C-alpha atoms as a PDB file:
ATOM      1  CA  UNK A   1      85.223 138.996  86.272  1.00  0.00           C
ATOM      2  CA  UNK A   2      88.874 138.318  87.058  1.00  0.00           C
ATOM      3  CA  UNK A   3      91.191 136.192  84.959  1.00  0.00           C
ATOM      4  CA  UNK A   4      90.774 132.483  85.681  1.00  0.00           C
ATOM      5  CA  UNK A   5      94.116 130.730  86.121  1.00  0.00           C
ATOM      6  CA  UNK A   6      94.767 127.024  85.867  1.00  0.00           C
ATOM      7  CA  UNK A   7      95.447 125.014  89.021  1.00  0.00           C
ATOM      8  CA  UNK A   8      96.968 121.599  89.655  1.00  0.00           C
ATOM      9  CA  UNK A   9      94.924 118.831  91.233  1.00  0.00           C
ATOM     10  CA  UNK A  10      94.671 115.129  92.010  1.00  0.00           C
ATOM     11  CA  UNK A  11      91.663 113.040  90.956  1.00  0.00           C
ATOM     12  CA  UNK A  12      90.023 111.495  94.038  1.00  0.00           C
ATOM     13  CA  UNK A  13      86.979 109.810  92.591  1.00  0.00           C
ATOM     14  CA  UNK A  14      84.935 109.497  89.449  1.00  0.00           C
ATOM     15  CA  UNK A  15      81.490 110.931  90.006  1.00  0.00           C
ATOM     16  CA  UNK A  16      79.199 110.125  87.088  1.00  0.00           C
ATOM     17  CA  UNK A  17      80.529 112.048  84.098  1.00  0.00           C
ATOM     18  CA  UNK A  18      82.552 114.327  86.355  1.00  0.00           C
ATOM     19  CA  UNK A  19      85.551 113.842  88.643  1.00  0.00           C
ATOM     20  CA  UNK A  20      86.125 114.911  92.209  1.00  0.00           C
ATOM     21  CA  UNK A  21      89.515 116.644  92.245  1.00  0.00           C
ATOM     22  CA  UNK A  22      91.588 117.837  95.211  1.00  0.00           C
ATOM     23  CA  UNK A  23      93.356 121.175  94.675  1.00  0.00           C
ATOM     24  CA  UNK A  24      95.173 123.529  97.027  1.00  0.00           C
ATOM     25  CA  UNK A  25      91.979 125.634  97.066  1.00  0.00           C
ATOM     26  CA  UNK A  26      89.834 122.683  98.117  1.00  0.00           C
ATOM     27  CA  UNK A  27      87.804 120.098  96.237  1.00  0.00           C
ATOM     28  CA  UNK A  28      86.233 120.836  92.866  1.00  0.00           C
ATOM     29  CA  UNK A  29      84.117 118.867  90.411  1.00  0.00           C
ATOM     30  CA  UNK A  30      85.496 118.842  86.900  1.00  0.00           C
ATOM     31  CA  UNK A  31      84.809 117.381  83.459  1.00  0.00           C
ATOM     32  CA  UNK A  32      87.255 116.522  80.688  1.00  0.00           C
ATOM     33  CA  UNK A  33      87.859 118.996  77.891  1.00  0.00           C
ATOM     34  CA  UNK A  34      87.347 117.561  74.389  1.00  0.00           C
ATOM     35  CA  UNK A  35      91.083 117.611  73.751  1.00  0.00           C
ATOM     36  CA  UNK A  36      91.876 115.761  76.998  1.00  0.00           C
ATOM     37  CA  UNK A  37      89.251 113.147  76.130  1.00  0.00           C
ATOM     38  CA  UNK A  38      91.051 112.519  72.857  1.00  0.00           C
ATOM     39  CA  UNK A  39      94.550 112.459  74.392  1.00  0.00           C
ATOM     40  CA  UNK A  40      93.818 110.362  77.497  1.00  0.00           C
ATOM     41  CA  UNK A  41      91.291 107.608  76.866  1.00  0.00           C
ATOM     42  CA  UNK A  42      90.490 107.240  80.542  1.00  0.00           C
ATOM     43  CA  UNK A  43      91.328 109.530  83.450  1.00  0.00           C
ATOM     44  CA  UNK A  44      91.549 107.599  86.732  1.00  0.00           C
ATOM     45  CA  UNK A  45      91.846 108.068  90.455  1.00  0.00           C
ATOM     46  CA  UNK A  46      95.347 109.312  91.322  1.00  0.00           C
ATOM     47  CA  UNK A  47      95.876 111.165  88.048  1.00  0.00           C
ATOM     48  CA  UNK A  48      97.611 114.535  88.453  1.00  0.00           C
ATOM     49  CA  UNK A  49      95.659 116.998  86.366  1.00  0.00           C
ATOM     50  CA  UNK A  50      95.550 120.648  85.368  1.00  0.00           C
ATOM     51  CA  UNK A  51      92.210 122.308  85.920  1.00  0.00           C
ATOM     52  CA  UNK A  52      90.618 125.457  84.600  1.00  0.00           C
ATOM     53  CA  UNK A  53      88.030 126.615  87.164  1.00  0.00           C
ATOM     54  CA  UNK A  54      84.717 127.947  85.926  1.00  0.00           C
ATOM     55  CA  UNK A  55      84.509 131.726  86.557  1.00  0.00           C
ATOM     56  CA  UNK A  56      80.850 131.485  87.616  1.00  0.00           C
ATOM     57  CA  UNK A  57      81.331 128.488  89.880  1.00  0.00           C
ATOM     58  CA  UNK A  58      80.060 125.741  87.579  1.00  0.00           C
ATOM     59  CA  UNK A  59      82.006 122.584  86.714  1.00  0.00           C
ATOM     60  CA  UNK A  60      85.737 123.087  86.180  1.00  0.00           C
ATOM     61  CA  UNK A  61      87.506 121.675  83.114  1.00  0.00           C
ATOM     62  CA  UNK A  62      90.393 119.202  83.136  1.00  0.00           C
ATOM     63  CA  UNK A  63      92.738 120.564  80.473  1.00  0.00           C
ATOM     64  CA  UNK A  64      95.753 118.318  80.947  1.00  0.00           C
ATOM     65  CA  UNK A  65      96.802 115.006  82.551  1.00  0.00           C
ATOM     66  CA  UNK A  66     100.415 114.616  83.707  1.00  0.00           C
ATOM     67  CA  UNK A  67     102.450 111.554  82.669  1.00  0.00           C
ATOM     68  CA  UNK A  68     101.860 108.714  85.170  1.00  0.00           C
ATOM     69  CA  UNK A  69     104.756 107.313  87.178  1.00  0.00           C
ATOM     70  CA  UNK A  70     102.808 104.095  87.728  1.00  0.00           C
ATOM     71  CA  UNK A  71      99.473 102.667  86.663  1.00  0.00           C
ATOM     72  CA  UNK A  72      97.479  99.881  88.235  1.00  0.00           C
ATOM     73  CA  UNK A  73      95.497  98.227  85.480  1.00  0.00           C
ATOM     74  CA  UNK A  74      93.586  95.078  84.710  1.00  0.00           C
ATOM     75  CA  UNK A  75      94.437  93.279  81.488  1.00  0.00           C
ATOM     76  CA  UNK A  76      91.325  92.548  79.524  1.00  0.00           C
ATOM     77  CA  UNK A  77      91.408  88.907  78.346  1.00  0.00           C
ATOM     78  CA  UNK A  78      92.447  87.701  74.922  1.00  0.00           C
ATOM     79  CA  UNK A  79      94.426  90.756  73.924  1.00  0.00           C
ATOM     80  CA  UNK A  80      91.560  93.234  74.149  1.00  0.00           C
ATOM     81  CA  UNK A  81      93.752  95.779  75.876  1.00  0.00           C
ATOM     82  CA  UNK A  82      93.808  97.034  79.447  1.00  0.00           C
ATOM     83  CA  UNK A  83      91.580  98.859  81.846  1.00  0.00           C
ATOM     84  CA  UNK A  84      93.317 101.466  84.043  1.00  0.00           C
ATOM     85  CA  UNK A  85      92.198 101.550  87.680  1.00  0.00           C
ATOM     86  CA  UNK A  86      94.455 104.022  89.548  1.00  0.00           C
ATOM     87  CA  UNK A  87      97.523 106.098  88.698  1.00  0.00           C
ATOM     88  CA  UNK A  88     100.693 107.143  90.524  1.00  0.00           C
ATOM     89  CA  UNK A  89     100.581 104.534  93.288  1.00  0.00           C
ATOM     90  CA  UNK A  90     103.832 104.336  95.256  1.00  0.00           C
ATOM     91  CA  UNK A  91     103.291 101.076  97.142  1.00  0.00           C
ATOM     92  CA  UNK A  92     100.863  98.189  97.433  1.00  0.00           C
ATOM     93  CA  UNK A  93     100.747  97.036 101.066  1.00  0.00           C
ATOM     94  CA  UNK A  94      99.537  93.440 101.413  1.00  0.00           C
ATOM     95  CA  UNK A  95      98.107  92.885 104.889  1.00  0.00           C
ATOM     96  CA  UNK A  96      98.097  89.385 106.337  1.00  0.00           C
ATOM     97  CA  UNK A  97      97.299  88.125 109.799  1.00  0.00           C
ATOM     98  CA  UNK A  98      99.743  85.954 111.652  1.00  0.00           C
ATOM     99  CA  UNK A  99      97.140  83.671 113.126  1.00  0.00           C
ATOM    100  CA  UNK A 100      93.396  83.750 113.656  1.00  0.00           C
ATOM    101  CA  UNK A 101      93.025  83.105 110.726  1.00  0.00           C
ATOM    102  CA  UNK A 102      96.324  81.398 109.883  1.00  0.00           C
ATOM    103  CA  UNK A 103      98.045  83.089 106.936  1.00  0.00           C
ATOM    104  CA  UNK A 104      97.667  81.451 103.517  1.00  0.00           C
ATOM    105  CA  UNK A 105     100.950  82.082 101.693  1.00  0.00           C
ATOM    106  CA  UNK A 106      99.300  81.598  98.277  1.00  0.00           C
ATOM    107  CA  UNK A 107      96.826  84.421  98.912  1.00  0.00           C
ATOM    108  CA  UNK A 108      99.640  86.770  99.898  1.00  0.00           C
ATOM    109  CA  UNK A 109     101.650  85.792  96.807  1.00  0.00           C
ATOM    110  CA  UNK A 110      98.665  86.292  94.506  1.00  0.00           C
ATOM    111  CA  UNK A 111      98.337  89.926  95.627  1.00  0.00           C
ATOM    112  CA  UNK A 112     102.097  90.501  95.400  1.00  0.00           C
ATOM    113  CA  UNK A 113     102.023  89.139  91.837  1.00  0.00           C
ATOM    114  CA  UNK A 114      99.309  91.624  90.800  1.00  0.00           C
ATOM    115  CA  UNK A 115     101.496  94.477  92.127  1.00  0.00           C
ATOM    116  CA  UNK A 116     104.593  93.083  90.355  1.00  0.00           C
ATOM    117  CA  UNK A 117     102.755  92.655  87.041  1.00  0.00           C
ATOM    118  CA  UNK A 118     101.889  96.360  87.274  1.00  0.00           C
ATOM    119  CA  UNK A 119     105.473  97.214  88.260  1.00  0.00           C
ATOM    120  CA  UNK A 120     104.363  98.826  91.514  1.00  0.00           C
ATOM    121  CA  UNK A 121     106.558  98.266  94.591  1.00  0.00           C
ATOM    122  CA  UNK A 122     104.943  96.049  97.217  1.00  0.00           C
ATOM    123  CA  UNK A 123     105.423  95.470 100.932  1.00  0.00           C
ATOM    124  CA  UNK A 124     103.945  92.980 103.382  1.00  0.00           C
ATOM    125  CA  UNK A 125     102.221  93.975 106.625  1.00  0.00           C
ATOM    126  CA  UNK A 126     102.079  91.183 109.190  1.00  0.00           C
ATOM    127  CA  UNK A 127      99.217  92.141 111.502  1.00  0.00           C
ATOM    128  CA  UNK A 128      98.181  90.677 114.867  1.00  0.00           C
ATOM    129  CA  UNK A 129     101.807  90.229 116.046  1.00  0.00           C
ATOM    130  CA  UNK A 130     100.444  90.511 119.597  1.00  0.00           C
ATOM    131  CA  UNK A 131      98.934  87.037 119.085  1.00  0.00           C
ATOM    132  CA  UNK A 132     101.889  85.378 117.349  1.00  0.00           C
ATOM    133  CA  UNK A 133     105.307  86.809 116.368  1.00  0.00           C
ATOM    134  CA  UNK A 134     105.140  85.059 112.951  1.00  0.00           C
ATOM    135  CA  UNK A 135     108.879  85.073 112.435  1.00  0.00           C
ATOM    136  CA  UNK A 136     108.748  82.391 109.686  1.00  0.00           C
ATOM    137  CA  UNK A 137     106.350  84.525 107.622  1.00  0.00           C
ATOM    138  CA  UNK A 138     108.563  87.578 107.962  1.00  0.00           C
ATOM    139  CA  UNK A 139     111.659  85.605 106.903  1.00  0.00           C
ATOM    140  CA  UNK A 140     109.812  84.112 103.937  1.00  0.00           C
ATOM    141  CA  UNK A 141     108.710  87.529 102.637  1.00  0.00           C
ATOM    142  CA  UNK A 142     112.108  89.168 103.242  1.00  0.00           C
ATOM    143  CA  UNK A 143     113.836  86.305 101.443  1.00  0.00           C
ATOM    144  CA  UNK A 144     111.594  87.017  98.444  1.00  0.00           C
ATOM    145  CA  UNK A 145     112.801  90.635  98.551  1.00  0.00           C
ATOM    146  CA  UNK A 146     109.847  92.418 100.187  1.00  0.00           C
ATOM    147  CA  UNK A 147     109.984  94.963 103.018  1.00  0.00           C
ATOM    148  CA  UNK A 148     107.976  93.706 105.995  1.00  0.00           C
ATOM    149  CA  UNK A 149     106.074  95.750 108.585  1.00  0.00           C
ATOM    150  CA  UNK A 150     105.003  94.023 111.793  1.00  0.00           C
ATOM    151  CA  UNK A 151     101.899  95.561 113.341  1.00  0.00           C
ATOM    152  CA  UNK A 152      99.231  95.074 115.944  1.00  0.00           C
ATOM    153  CA  UNK A 153      96.060  97.103 115.603  1.00  0.00           C
ATOM    154  CA  UNK A 154      95.315  96.149 119.212  1.00  0.00           C
ATOM    155  CA  UNK A 155      98.530  97.135 120.986  1.00  0.00           C
ATOM    156  CA  UNK A 156      99.656  99.761 118.457  1.00  0.00           C
ATOM    157  CA  UNK A 157     102.973  98.022 117.817  1.00  0.00           C
ATOM    158  CA  UNK A 158     104.549  98.995 114.484  1.00  0.00           C
ATOM    159  CA  UNK A 159     101.859 101.539 113.579  1.00  0.00           C
ATOM    160  CA  UNK A 160     104.230 104.525 113.707  1.00  0.00           C
ATOM    161  CA  UNK A 161     106.611 102.864 111.216  1.00  0.00           C
ATOM    162  CA  UNK A 162     103.799 101.930 108.854  1.00  0.00           C
ATOM    163  CA  UNK A 163     102.266 105.410 109.065  1.00  0.00           C
ATOM    164  CA  UNK A 164     105.671 106.946 108.298  1.00  0.00           C
ATOM    165  CA  UNK A 165     106.042 104.685 105.245  1.00  0.00           C
ATOM    166  CA  UNK A 166     102.674 105.912 103.936  1.00  0.00           C
ATOM    167  CA  UNK A 167     103.003 109.596 104.832  1.00  0.00           C
ATOM    168  CA  UNK A 168     103.000 111.925 101.827  1.00  0.00           C
ATOM    169  CA  UNK A 169     102.651 108.970  99.463  1.00  0.00           C
ATOM    170  CA  UNK A 170      99.913 107.165  97.578  1.00  0.00           C
ATOM    171  CA  UNK A 171      99.277 103.640  98.848  1.00  0.00           C
ATOM    172  CA  UNK A 172      96.964 100.731  98.138  1.00  0.00           C
ATOM    173  CA  UNK A 173      96.202  98.621 101.212  1.00  0.00           C
ATOM    174  CA  UNK A 174      94.853  95.173 100.419  1.00  0.00           C
ATOM    175  CA  UNK A 175      94.798  91.702 101.883  1.00  0.00           C
ATOM    176  CA  UNK A 176      92.833  88.480 102.117  1.00  0.00           C
ATOM    177  CA  UNK A 177      89.626  88.811 104.149  1.00  0.00           C
ATOM    178  CA  UNK A 178      90.105  88.165 107.843  1.00  0.00           C
ATOM    179  CA  UNK A 179      93.610  89.635 107.801  1.00  0.00           C
ATOM    180  CA  UNK A 180      92.424  92.579 109.895  1.00  0.00           C
ATOM    181  CA  UNK A 181      92.777  95.269 107.222  1.00  0.00           C
ATOM    182  CA  UNK A 182      89.820  97.292 108.559  1.00  0.00           C
ATOM    183  CA  UNK A 183      90.962  97.297 112.167  1.00  0.00           C
ATOM    184  CA  UNK A 184      94.464  98.200 111.001  1.00  0.00           C
ATOM    185  CA  UNK A 185      93.227 101.176 108.938  1.00  0.00           C
ATOM    186  CA  UNK A 186      91.101 102.336 111.862  1.00  0.00           C
ATOM    187  CA  UNK A 187      94.085 102.093 114.190  1.00  0.00           C
ATOM    188  CA  UNK A 188      96.140 104.166 111.728  1.00  0.00           C
ATOM    189  CA  UNK A 189      93.405 106.808 111.416  1.00  0.00           C
ATOM    190  CA  UNK A 190      90.216 106.458 113.469  1.00  0.00           C
ATOM    191  CA  UNK A 191      87.076 106.707 111.338  1.00  0.00           C
ATOM    192  CA  UNK A 192      88.882 105.883 108.117  1.00  0.00           C
ATOM    193  CA  UNK A 193      87.161 102.560 107.389  1.00  0.00           C
ATOM    194  CA  UNK A 194      83.793 104.017 108.279  1.00  0.00           C
ATOM    195  CA  UNK A 195      84.303 106.409 105.385  1.00  0.00           C
ATOM    196  CA  UNK A 196      85.611 103.620 103.169  1.00  0.00           C
ATOM    197  CA  UNK A 197      82.513 101.540 103.941  1.00  0.00           C
ATOM    198  CA  UNK A 198      80.141 104.421 103.216  1.00  0.00           C
ATOM    199  CA  UNK A 199      81.924 105.213  99.990  1.00  0.00           C
ATOM    200  CA  UNK A 200      82.022 101.670  98.678  1.00  0.00           C
ATOM    201  CA  UNK A 201      78.319 101.271  99.496  1.00  0.00           C
ATOM    202  CA  UNK A 202      77.701 104.444  97.503  1.00  0.00           C
ATOM    203  CA  UNK A 203      79.818 103.093  94.628  1.00  0.00           C
ATOM    204  CA  UNK A 204      77.868  99.856  94.555  1.00  0.00           C
ATOM    205  CA  UNK A 205      74.581 101.795  94.426  1.00  0.00           C
ATOM    206  CA  UNK A 206      75.793 103.680  91.356  1.00  0.00           C
ATOM    207  CA  UNK A 207      75.184 100.700  89.086  1.00  0.00           C
ATOM    208  CA  UNK A 208      76.837 100.600  85.652  1.00  0.00           C
ATOM    209  CA  UNK A 209      79.323 103.259  86.654  1.00  0.00           C
ATOM    210  CA  UNK A 210      82.898 102.311  85.938  1.00  0.00           C
ATOM    211  CA  UNK A 211      83.959 103.627  89.318  1.00  0.00           C
ATOM    212  CA  UNK A 212      86.465 101.178  90.624  1.00  0.00           C
ATOM    213  CA  UNK A 213      88.622 103.083  93.051  1.00  0.00           C
ATOM    214  CA  UNK A 214      88.662 106.136  95.256  1.00  0.00           C
ATOM    215  CA  UNK A 215      91.271 108.002  97.256  1.00  0.00           C
ATOM    216  CA  UNK A 216      91.109 109.057 100.864  1.00  0.00           C
ATOM    217  CA  UNK A 217      93.452 111.760 102.170  1.00  0.00           C
ATOM    218  CA  UNK A 218      95.874 110.207 104.674  1.00  0.00           C
ATOM    219  CA  UNK A 219      98.927 111.722 106.419  1.00  0.00           C
ATOM    220  CA  UNK A 220      99.663 114.217 103.639  1.00  0.00           C
ATOM    221  CA  UNK A 221      99.241 111.482 101.031  1.00  0.00           C
ATOM    222  CA  UNK A 222      96.401 109.196  99.992  1.00  0.00           C
ATOM    223  CA  UNK A 223      95.080 105.719 100.537  1.00  0.00           C
ATOM    224  CA  UNK A 224      93.549 104.225  97.422  1.00  0.00           C
ATOM    225  CA  UNK A 225      90.611 101.958  98.036  1.00  0.00           C
ATOM    226  CA  UNK A 226      90.356  99.541  95.130  1.00  0.00           C
ATOM    227  CA  UNK A 227      87.429  97.221  95.631  1.00  0.00           C
ATOM    228  CA  UNK A 228      88.161  93.944  93.915  1.00  0.00           C
ATOM    229  CA  UNK A 229      91.949  94.163  94.050  1.00  0.00           C
ATOM    230  CA  UNK A 230      91.961  90.697  95.551  1.00  0.00           C
ATOM    231  CA  UNK A 231      88.950  89.303  93.727  1.00  0.00           C
ATOM    232  CA  UNK A 232      89.360  89.031  89.993  1.00  0.00           C
ATOM    233  CA  UNK A 233      91.769  86.146  89.496  1.00  0.00           C
ATOM    234  CA  UNK A 234      95.118  87.384  88.326  1.00  0.00           C
ATOM    235  CA  UNK A 235      93.949  90.375  86.342  1.00  0.00           C
ATOM    236  CA  UNK A 236      94.737  88.771  82.984  1.00  0.00           C
ATOM    237  CA  UNK A 237      98.437  88.109  83.584  1.00  0.00           C
ATOM    238  CA  UNK A 238      99.996  85.941  80.849  1.00  0.00           C
ATOM    239  CA  UNK A 239     101.466  82.568  81.924  1.00  0.00           C
ATOM    240  CA  UNK A 240     104.858  83.478  80.407  1.00  0.00           C
ATOM    241  CA  UNK A 241     105.018  86.713  82.437  1.00  0.00           C
ATOM    242  CA  UNK A 242     104.337  84.984  85.731  1.00  0.00           C
ATOM    243  CA  UNK A 243     107.849  83.902  86.772  1.00  0.00           C
ATOM    244  CA  UNK A 244     109.145  87.468  86.430  1.00  0.00           C
ATOM    245  CA  UNK A 245     106.471  88.554  88.960  1.00  0.00           C
ATOM    246  CA  UNK A 246     108.455  86.676  91.641  1.00  0.00           C
ATOM    247  CA  UNK A 247     111.424  88.987  92.400  1.00  0.00           C
ATOM    248  CA  UNK A 248     113.694  86.211  93.696  1.00  0.00           C
ATOM    249  CA  UNK A 249     113.116  84.189  90.480  1.00  0.00           C
ATOM    250  CA  UNK A 250     114.059  87.083  88.190  1.00  0.00           C
ATOM    251  CA  UNK A 251     117.876  86.714  88.244  1.00  0.00           C
ATOM    252  CA  UNK A 252     117.532  83.043  87.254  1.00  0.00           C
ATOM    253  CA  UNK A 253     115.015  83.393  84.420  1.00  0.00           C
ATOM    254  CA  UNK A 254     116.685  82.522  81.127  1.00  0.00           C
ATOM    255  CA  UNK A 255     119.417  80.509  82.901  1.00  0.00           C
ATOM    256  CA  UNK A 256     117.503  77.208  82.771  1.00  0.00           C
ATOM    257  CA  UNK A 257     118.568  74.447  80.375  1.00  0.00           C
ATOM    258  CA  UNK A 258     115.457  74.997  78.234  1.00  0.00           C
ATOM    259  CA  UNK A 259     114.529  78.459  76.950  1.00  0.00           C
ATOM    260  CA  UNK A 260     110.808  77.819  77.461  1.00  0.00           C
ATOM    261  CA  UNK A 261     111.210  76.239  80.920  1.00  0.00           C
ATOM    262  CA  UNK A 262     107.985  76.451  82.923  1.00  0.00           C
ATOM    263  CA  UNK A 263     109.841  75.719  86.213  1.00  0.00           C
ATOM    264  CA  UNK A 264     107.473  72.855  86.958  1.00  0.00           C
ATOM    265  CA  UNK A 265     109.263  69.539  86.359  1.00  0.00           C
ATOM    266  CA  UNK A 266     111.756  70.291  83.585  1.00  0.00           C
ATOM    267  CA  UNK A 267     115.340  69.027  83.995  1.00  0.00           C
ATOM    268  CA  UNK A 268     118.077  71.646  84.428  1.00  0.00           C
ATOM    269  CA  UNK A 269     115.713  74.231  85.934  1.00  0.00           C
ATOM    270  CA  UNK A 270     117.688  76.852  87.872  1.00  0.00           C
ATOM    271  CA  UNK A 271     114.700  77.903  89.967  1.00  0.00           C
ATOM    272  CA  UNK A 272     114.076  74.332  91.165  1.00  0.00           C
ATOM    273  CA  UNK A 273     117.814  74.074  91.935  1.00  0.00           C
ATOM    274  CA  UNK A 274     117.656  77.297  93.973  1.00  0.00           C
ATOM    275  CA  UNK A 275     114.769  75.868  96.009  1.00  0.00           C
ATOM    276  CA  UNK A 276     116.768  72.674  96.625  1.00  0.00           C
ATOM    277  CA  UNK A 277     119.748  74.797  97.726  1.00  0.00           C
ATOM    278  CA  UNK A 278     117.580  76.780 100.177  1.00  0.00           C
ATOM    279  CA  UNK A 279     117.894  80.097  98.319  1.00  0.00           C
ATOM    280  CA  UNK A 280     114.183  80.255  97.429  1.00  0.00           C
ATOM    281  CA  UNK A 281     111.360  79.230  99.776  1.00  0.00           C
ATOM    282  CA  UNK A 282     109.697  75.999  98.578  1.00  0.00           C
ATOM    283  CA  UNK A 283     106.210  77.410  99.144  1.00  0.00           C
ATOM    284  CA  UNK A 284     106.999  80.359  96.855  1.00  0.00           C
ATOM    285  CA  UNK A 285     107.642  77.902  94.020  1.00  0.00           C
ATOM    286  CA  UNK A 286     104.464  76.091  95.088  1.00  0.00           C
ATOM    287  CA  UNK A 287     102.529  79.389  94.798  1.00  0.00           C
ATOM    288  CA  UNK A 288     104.039  80.007  91.384  1.00  0.00           C
ATOM    289  CA  UNK A 289     102.912  76.585  90.170  1.00  0.00           C
ATOM    290  CA  UNK A 290      99.367  77.013  91.452  1.00  0.00           C
ATOM    291  CA  UNK A 291      99.096  80.452  89.868  1.00  0.00           C
ATOM    292  CA  UNK A 292     100.618  79.151  86.625  1.00  0.00           C
ATOM    293  CA  UNK A 293      97.879  76.533  86.377  1.00  0.00           C
ATOM    294  CA  UNK A 294      95.327  79.252  86.986  1.00  0.00           C
ATOM    295  CA  UNK A 295      96.737  81.616  84.334  1.00  0.00           C
ATOM    296  CA  UNK A 296      96.965  78.788  81.812  1.00  0.00           C
ATOM    297  CA  UNK A 297      93.299  78.004  82.392  1.00  0.00           C
ATOM    298  CA  UNK A 298      92.215  81.633  82.496  1.00  0.00           C
ATOM    299  CA  UNK A 299      90.854  82.488  79.009  1.00  0.00           C
ATOM    300  CA  UNK A 300      88.037  79.927  79.334  1.00  0.00           C
ATOM    301  CA  UNK A 301      86.887  81.403  82.653  1.00  0.00           C
ATOM    302  CA  UNK A 302      86.899  84.899  81.196  1.00  0.00           C
ATOM    303  CA  UNK A 303      84.861  84.248  78.078  1.00  0.00           C
END
């Protein structure tokens, strides 16, 4: 037979012991070489890999995994390390409705915090603008430093801008239930959520598999479907890391009177002063305090 040359690919899904990988020659199923297994403890969705095809058409071999530019991972509680979920994500888009149901700022902030803790850029999508312009919500999120996209799955407003922001990139789209994420994805690409639904049903059937994400081709890039992004508390974030997960707090951290300021009721707190001066939205500090209580209580829940 001819010489088999290595090809580059992107991992789309874990499939039992094998991986589904997209290459320029189409999709292949591949397993890890022994060396790769030793070098990379866990290959995940979104990993860029080098593959050696099998000359007789069997399973290909993953011979190398490229360095990741970002990694979404869950911290395992009590210092037992981390669990990688998806690699090379460019943006986490948090979808919220403007009304019907009314937006819950804390739920939006919780998802933004998970993105920040993983150092992945985030943006907010305000959906259902045909029902309510939601200007206050947009101002609140912009003030915190996030790009905002205003969309309506029903009228199509803002879809072209959002699609352009996702084109050729790898995105996670998440949001509290009821925010209209499914209708938005279907408006962006008809049939997309049907596939997502089928796939997540299939993933749930495969009990005990560690499959936790999959990628769908979208506009020359990918959408990463991560079931549970908005479910498992705060993914093991440490209480002392929390303030730095609020971008508008970051410049003030370390400027408070007390080094170990929790920004709750301490005197000389710069973040509380910024809220009083109107530089930080009061409900962002409120979110921080609620999440702080949750992270401080977290180890018990996890045990």
